Amino acid sequence: MKIISVLDTTICDYNLGNQIIMEAVNKVIKELFPNDFIIRLQYAERFGRQSLKYIKNSHYTFVGGTNLLSSHMIIYSQIGLKLRHLPYVKNKLILIGVGWWQYQSKPD
C-alpha cells in the first residue's frame, strides 16, 4: 500500500476556485490510487513535525489548485514547505491545477 499526501488547498480557505479544482484533483487521485492510503494536510501554514513525517513517508505528495507559484519562492511563498523541507519532497512533489501568483520578474 502506498502513502499519498495531498496538500489540500481547501483546508482553512474560503476560495471557491480552490474547492472546484480540489474536487477534480481528488477524483484523479482516487482513480490513480484506489487502494492506497491518502492523507490530507493543510498547505499554507508552516508544516509541523507530524505533517513532515507524513510527507517524508509518502510515495507522492500532491498540491492542487491555487496560485502558489511565484518568481521568488524563497522570499514569497504561499505554501508551508520551506527550502529546508526540499529533501522531504524531492522527486515526489506533483502540482495539479496550480497557477502563478502574479506577473513578476524572472524566477530565481
N, C-alpha and C. Protein backbone atom coordinates (compact mmCIF):
# COMPACT_ATOMS: atom_id res chain seq x y z
N MET A 1 0.85 -1.18 0.00
CA MET A 1 0.00 0.00 0.00
C MET A 1 0.89 1.24 0.00
N LYS A 2 0.58 2.17 -0.88
CA LYS A 2 1.32 3.43 -0.95
C LYS A 2 0.69 4.46 -0.03
N ILE A 3 1.50 5.38 0.43
CA ILE A 3 1.02 6.53 1.19
C ILE A 3 1.08 7.74 0.26
N ILE A 4 -0.04 8.42 0.13
CA ILE A 4 -0.14 9.58 -0.75
C ILE A 4 -0.51 10.78 0.11
N SER A 5 0.32 11.81 0.10
CA SER A 5 -0.01 13.06 0.80
C SER A 5 -0.65 14.02 -0.19
N VAL A 6 -1.68 14.69 0.27
CA VAL A 6 -2.33 15.73 -0.53
C VAL A 6 -2.30 17.02 0.29
N LEU A 7 -1.59 18.02 -0.22
CA LEU A 7 -1.59 19.33 0.42
C LEU A 7 -2.85 20.02 -0.08
N ASP A 8 -3.87 19.96 0.74
CA ASP A 8 -5.23 20.34 0.35
C ASP A 8 -5.44 21.84 0.51
N THR A 9 -5.68 22.50 -0.61
CA THR A 9 -5.84 23.96 -0.60
C THR A 9 -7.23 24.40 -0.16
N THR A 10 -8.09 23.46 0.19
CA THR A 10 -9.42 23.84 0.70
C THR A 10 -9.46 23.92 2.22
N ILE A 11 -8.44 23.40 2.89
CA ILE A 11 -8.41 23.43 4.34
C ILE A 11 -8.13 24.86 4.80
N CYS A 12 -9.01 25.40 5.63
CA CYS A 12 -8.89 26.77 6.15
C CYS A 12 -8.82 27.80 5.02
N ASP A 13 -9.70 27.67 4.04
CA ASP A 13 -9.67 28.57 2.88
C ASP A 13 -11.10 28.81 2.38
N TYR A 14 -11.40 30.06 2.07
CA TYR A 14 -12.73 30.41 1.56
C TYR A 14 -12.80 30.44 0.04
N ASN A 15 -11.71 30.18 -0.65
CA ASN A 15 -11.65 30.33 -2.10
C ASN A 15 -12.43 29.22 -2.81
N LEU A 16 -13.53 29.59 -3.45
CA LEU A 16 -14.37 28.62 -4.16
C LEU A 16 -13.60 27.98 -5.32
N GLY A 17 -12.73 28.75 -5.97
CA GLY A 17 -11.93 28.21 -7.07
C GLY A 17 -11.06 27.05 -6.61
N ASN A 18 -10.46 27.20 -5.44
CA ASN A 18 -9.65 26.10 -4.89
C ASN A 18 -10.52 24.87 -4.64
N GLN A 19 -11.74 25.07 -4.16
CA GLN A 19 -12.63 23.94 -3.89
C GLN A 19 -12.98 23.20 -5.18
N ILE A 20 -13.26 23.97 -6.22
CA ILE A 20 -13.62 23.35 -7.51
C ILE A 20 -12.43 22.55 -8.06
N ILE A 21 -11.24 23.14 -8.02
CA ILE A 21 -10.06 22.44 -8.52
C ILE A 21 -9.75 21.22 -7.67
N MET A 22 -9.85 21.35 -6.35
CA MET A 22 -9.55 20.20 -5.47
C MET A 22 -10.53 19.05 -5.67
N GLU A 23 -11.77 19.34 -6.02
CA GLU A 23 -12.72 18.26 -6.33
C GLU A 23 -12.20 17.44 -7.50
N ALA A 24 -11.70 18.12 -8.54
CA ALA A 24 -11.15 17.42 -9.70
C ALA A 24 -9.87 16.67 -9.32
N VAL A 25 -9.01 17.30 -8.55
CA VAL A 25 -7.76 16.67 -8.11
C VAL A 25 -8.07 15.41 -7.30
N ASN A 26 -9.00 15.51 -6.38
CA ASN A 26 -9.36 14.35 -5.55
C ASN A 26 -9.90 13.21 -6.39
N LYS A 27 -10.67 13.53 -7.42
CA LYS A 27 -11.21 12.50 -8.30
C LYS A 27 -10.08 11.76 -9.01
N VAL A 28 -9.11 12.51 -9.53
CA VAL A 28 -7.98 11.90 -10.23
C VAL A 28 -7.15 11.04 -9.28
N ILE A 29 -6.87 11.56 -8.09
CA ILE A 29 -6.08 10.80 -7.11
C ILE A 29 -6.79 9.51 -6.73
N LYS A 30 -8.09 9.59 -6.53
CA LYS A 30 -8.87 8.40 -6.18
C LYS A 30 -8.81 7.35 -7.29
N GLU A 31 -8.85 7.82 -8.55
CA GLU A 31 -8.76 6.90 -9.69
C GLU A 31 -7.37 6.27 -9.80
N LEU A 32 -6.34 7.07 -9.56
CA LEU A 32 -4.96 6.57 -9.69
C LEU A 32 -4.54 5.67 -8.53
N PHE A 33 -5.07 5.94 -7.34
CA PHE A 33 -4.64 5.23 -6.14
C PHE A 33 -5.85 4.73 -5.35
N PRO A 34 -6.67 3.85 -5.95
CA PRO A 34 -7.93 3.46 -5.30
C PRO A 34 -7.76 2.68 -3.99
N ASN A 35 -6.65 1.99 -3.82
CA ASN A 35 -6.45 1.14 -2.65
C ASN A 35 -5.34 1.62 -1.73
N ASP A 36 -4.92 2.85 -1.93
CA ASP A 36 -3.80 3.36 -1.15
C ASP A 36 -4.28 4.33 -0.08
N PHE A 37 -3.40 4.60 0.88
CA PHE A 37 -3.74 5.48 2.00
C PHE A 37 -3.47 6.93 1.60
N ILE A 38 -4.48 7.76 1.71
CA ILE A 38 -4.36 9.17 1.35
C ILE A 38 -4.52 10.02 2.60
N ILE A 39 -3.51 10.84 2.85
CA ILE A 39 -3.55 11.75 4.00
C ILE A 39 -3.64 13.17 3.46
N ARG A 40 -4.58 13.95 3.99
CA ARG A 40 -4.77 15.33 3.56
C ARG A 40 -4.19 16.27 4.62
N LEU A 41 -3.36 17.18 4.13
CA LEU A 41 -2.68 18.12 5.01
C LEU A 41 -2.97 19.54 4.56
N GLN A 42 -3.00 20.48 5.49
CA GLN A 42 -3.15 21.89 5.11
C GLN A 42 -1.90 22.29 4.35
N TYR A 43 -2.02 23.27 3.48
CA TYR A 43 -0.88 23.61 2.65
C TYR A 43 -0.22 24.95 2.98
N ALA A 44 -0.95 25.86 3.58
CA ALA A 44 -0.48 27.24 3.69
C ALA A 44 0.36 27.51 4.93
N GLU A 45 0.00 26.93 6.04
CA GLU A 45 0.72 27.21 7.28
C GLU A 45 1.99 26.38 7.36
N ARG A 46 2.87 26.79 8.21
CA ARG A 46 4.14 26.08 8.40
C ARG A 46 3.87 24.63 8.78
N PHE A 47 4.63 23.72 8.19
CA PHE A 47 4.45 22.31 8.46
C PHE A 47 5.13 21.94 9.77
N GLY A 48 4.39 21.22 10.60
CA GLY A 48 4.93 20.75 11.87
C GLY A 48 5.56 19.38 11.71
N ARG A 49 6.05 18.87 12.81
CA ARG A 49 6.75 17.58 12.83
C ARG A 49 5.88 16.45 12.27
N GLN A 50 4.62 16.41 12.65
CA GLN A 50 3.73 15.32 12.21
C GLN A 50 3.47 15.39 10.71
N SER A 51 3.17 16.59 10.20
CA SER A 51 2.94 16.74 8.76
C SER A 51 4.18 16.36 7.97
N LEU A 52 5.33 16.79 8.43
CA LEU A 52 6.57 16.45 7.73
C LEU A 52 6.84 14.95 7.74
N LYS A 53 6.45 14.29 8.81
CA LYS A 53 6.61 12.84 8.88
C LYS A 53 5.77 12.16 7.81
N TYR A 54 4.52 12.60 7.66
CA TYR A 54 3.67 12.03 6.61
C TYR A 54 4.25 12.29 5.22
N ILE A 55 4.69 13.52 5.00
CA ILE A 55 5.25 13.87 3.69
C ILE A 55 6.50 13.05 3.41
N LYS A 56 7.36 12.92 4.39
CA LYS A 56 8.59 12.15 4.23
C LYS A 56 8.30 10.70 3.88
N ASN A 57 7.28 10.12 4.50
CA ASN A 57 6.96 8.71 4.28
C ASN A 57 6.05 8.46 3.08
N SER A 58 5.63 9.50 2.42
CA SER A 58 4.74 9.36 1.27
C SER A 58 5.52 8.99 0.01
N HIS A 59 4.84 8.24 -0.84
CA HIS A 59 5.40 7.93 -2.15
C HIS A 59 5.29 9.14 -3.07
N TYR A 60 4.18 9.87 -2.93
CA TYR A 60 3.94 11.08 -3.71
C TYR A 60 3.28 12.12 -2.82
N THR A 61 3.54 13.38 -3.13
CA THR A 61 2.88 14.49 -2.45
C THR A 61 2.27 15.39 -3.52
N PHE A 62 0.95 15.51 -3.50
CA PHE A 62 0.23 16.32 -4.48
C PHE A 62 -0.17 17.66 -3.88
N VAL A 63 -0.14 18.69 -4.71
CA VAL A 63 -0.70 20.00 -4.36
C VAL A 63 -1.65 20.35 -5.48
N GLY A 64 -2.85 20.76 -5.14
CA GLY A 64 -3.82 21.09 -6.18
C GLY A 64 -4.48 22.43 -6.00
N GLY A 65 -4.62 23.13 -7.10
CA GLY A 65 -5.41 24.35 -7.16
C GLY A 65 -4.96 25.46 -6.26
N THR A 66 -4.56 26.52 -6.73
CA THR A 66 -4.30 27.80 -6.08
C THR A 66 -3.10 28.40 -6.80
N ASN A 67 -2.96 29.68 -6.70
CA ASN A 67 -1.84 30.37 -7.34
C ASN A 67 -0.68 30.45 -6.36
N LEU A 68 -0.01 29.33 -6.14
CA LEU A 68 1.04 29.31 -5.12
C LEU A 68 2.44 29.51 -5.68
N LEU A 69 2.61 29.48 -6.98
CA LEU A 69 3.93 29.69 -7.56
C LEU A 69 4.23 31.17 -7.69
N SER A 70 5.49 31.53 -7.49
CA SER A 70 5.92 32.91 -7.69
C SER A 70 7.36 32.91 -8.19
N SER A 71 7.82 34.04 -8.66
CA SER A 71 9.19 34.14 -9.16
C SER A 71 10.22 34.06 -8.05
N HIS A 72 9.81 34.32 -6.84
CA HIS A 72 10.75 34.37 -5.72
C HIS A 72 10.21 33.53 -4.56
N MET A 73 10.19 32.22 -4.76
CA MET A 73 9.59 31.30 -3.79
C MET A 73 10.27 31.34 -2.43
N ILE A 74 11.54 31.69 -2.38
CA ILE A 74 12.24 31.75 -1.10
C ILE A 74 11.74 32.93 -0.28
N ILE A 75 11.47 34.05 -0.96
CA ILE A 75 11.02 35.27 -0.28
C ILE A 75 9.50 35.26 -0.08
N TYR A 76 8.78 34.93 -1.16
CA TYR A 76 7.32 34.95 -1.09
C TYR A 76 6.78 33.58 -1.44
N SER A 77 6.30 32.88 -0.45
CA SER A 77 5.79 31.54 -0.66
C SER A 77 4.42 31.42 -0.01
N GLN A 78 3.48 30.86 -0.76
CA GLN A 78 2.14 30.65 -0.22
C GLN A 78 1.93 29.20 0.21
N ILE A 79 3.01 28.48 0.33
CA ILE A 79 2.93 27.08 0.73
C ILE A 79 3.77 26.89 1.99
N GLY A 80 3.37 25.96 2.83
CA GLY A 80 4.06 25.74 4.09
C GLY A 80 5.44 25.12 3.96
N LEU A 81 5.75 24.58 2.79
CA LEU A 81 7.07 23.99 2.58
C LEU A 81 8.10 25.10 2.44
N LYS A 82 9.21 24.91 3.09
CA LYS A 82 10.31 25.87 3.04
C LYS A 82 11.52 25.19 2.38
N LEU A 83 12.54 25.97 2.12
CA LEU A 83 13.74 25.46 1.46
C LEU A 83 14.31 24.25 2.21
N ARG A 84 14.29 24.29 3.51
CA ARG A 84 14.86 23.19 4.29
C ARG A 84 14.03 21.90 4.19
N HIS A 85 12.81 22.00 3.66
CA HIS A 85 11.96 20.83 3.51
C HIS A 85 12.13 20.13 2.16
N LEU A 86 12.94 20.68 1.28
CA LEU A 86 13.09 20.10 -0.06
C LEU A 86 13.46 18.61 -0.04
N PRO A 87 14.31 18.15 0.87
CA PRO A 87 14.60 16.70 0.88
C PRO A 87 13.36 15.83 1.10
N TYR A 88 12.34 16.36 1.76
CA TYR A 88 11.12 15.59 2.02
C TYR A 88 10.30 15.37 0.75
N VAL A 89 10.38 16.30 -0.19
CA VAL A 89 9.52 16.23 -1.39
C VAL A 89 10.31 16.01 -2.67
N LYS A 90 11.62 15.86 -2.56
CA LYS A 90 12.45 15.70 -3.75
C LYS A 90 11.97 14.51 -4.58
N ASN A 91 11.71 14.76 -5.85
CA ASN A 91 11.28 13.76 -6.83
C ASN A 91 9.91 13.14 -6.54
N LYS A 92 9.11 13.80 -5.69
CA LYS A 92 7.78 13.25 -5.43
C LYS A 92 6.71 14.31 -5.23
N LEU A 93 7.03 15.57 -5.50
CA LEU A 93 6.03 16.64 -5.39
C LEU A 93 5.39 16.84 -6.75
N ILE A 94 4.07 16.74 -6.80
CA ILE A 94 3.32 16.84 -8.05
C ILE A 94 2.30 17.95 -7.92
N LEU A 95 2.35 18.92 -8.83
CA LEU A 95 1.42 20.04 -8.83
C LEU A 95 0.33 19.79 -9.86
N ILE A 96 -0.93 20.00 -9.45
CA ILE A 96 -2.06 19.83 -10.37
C ILE A 96 -2.94 21.08 -10.26
N GLY A 97 -3.19 21.72 -11.39
CA GLY A 97 -4.07 22.90 -11.39
C GLY A 97 -3.52 24.05 -10.59
N VAL A 98 -2.20 24.16 -10.53
CA VAL A 98 -1.55 25.20 -9.74
C VAL A 98 -1.15 26.34 -10.68
N GLY A 99 -1.36 27.57 -10.22
CA GLY A 99 -1.05 28.72 -11.06
C GLY A 99 0.02 29.61 -10.47
N TRP A 100 0.30 30.67 -11.21
CA TRP A 100 1.31 31.66 -10.84
C TRP A 100 0.65 32.78 -10.07
N TRP A 101 1.28 33.21 -8.99
CA TRP A 101 0.70 34.21 -8.09
C TRP A 101 0.42 35.52 -8.80
N GLN A 102 1.39 36.11 -9.47
CA GLN A 102 1.17 37.33 -10.24
C GLN A 102 2.37 37.52 -11.16
N TYR A 103 2.22 38.44 -12.12
CA TYR A 103 3.32 38.70 -13.03
C TYR A 103 4.47 39.33 -12.28
N GLN A 104 5.66 38.77 -12.47
CA GLN A 104 6.84 39.21 -11.74
C GLN A 104 8.06 39.14 -12.64
N SER A 105 9.20 39.45 -12.08
CA SER A 105 10.46 39.33 -12.81
C SER A 105 10.81 37.85 -13.03
N LYS A 106 11.93 37.61 -13.66
CA LYS A 106 12.37 36.22 -13.92
C LYS A 106 12.51 35.46 -12.59
N PRO A 107 12.16 34.17 -12.61
CA PRO A 107 12.30 33.37 -11.38
C PRO A 107 13.75 33.22 -10.93
N ASP A 108 13.92 33.13 -9.61
CA ASP A 108 15.26 32.88 -9.09
C ASP A 108 15.43 31.42 -8.76
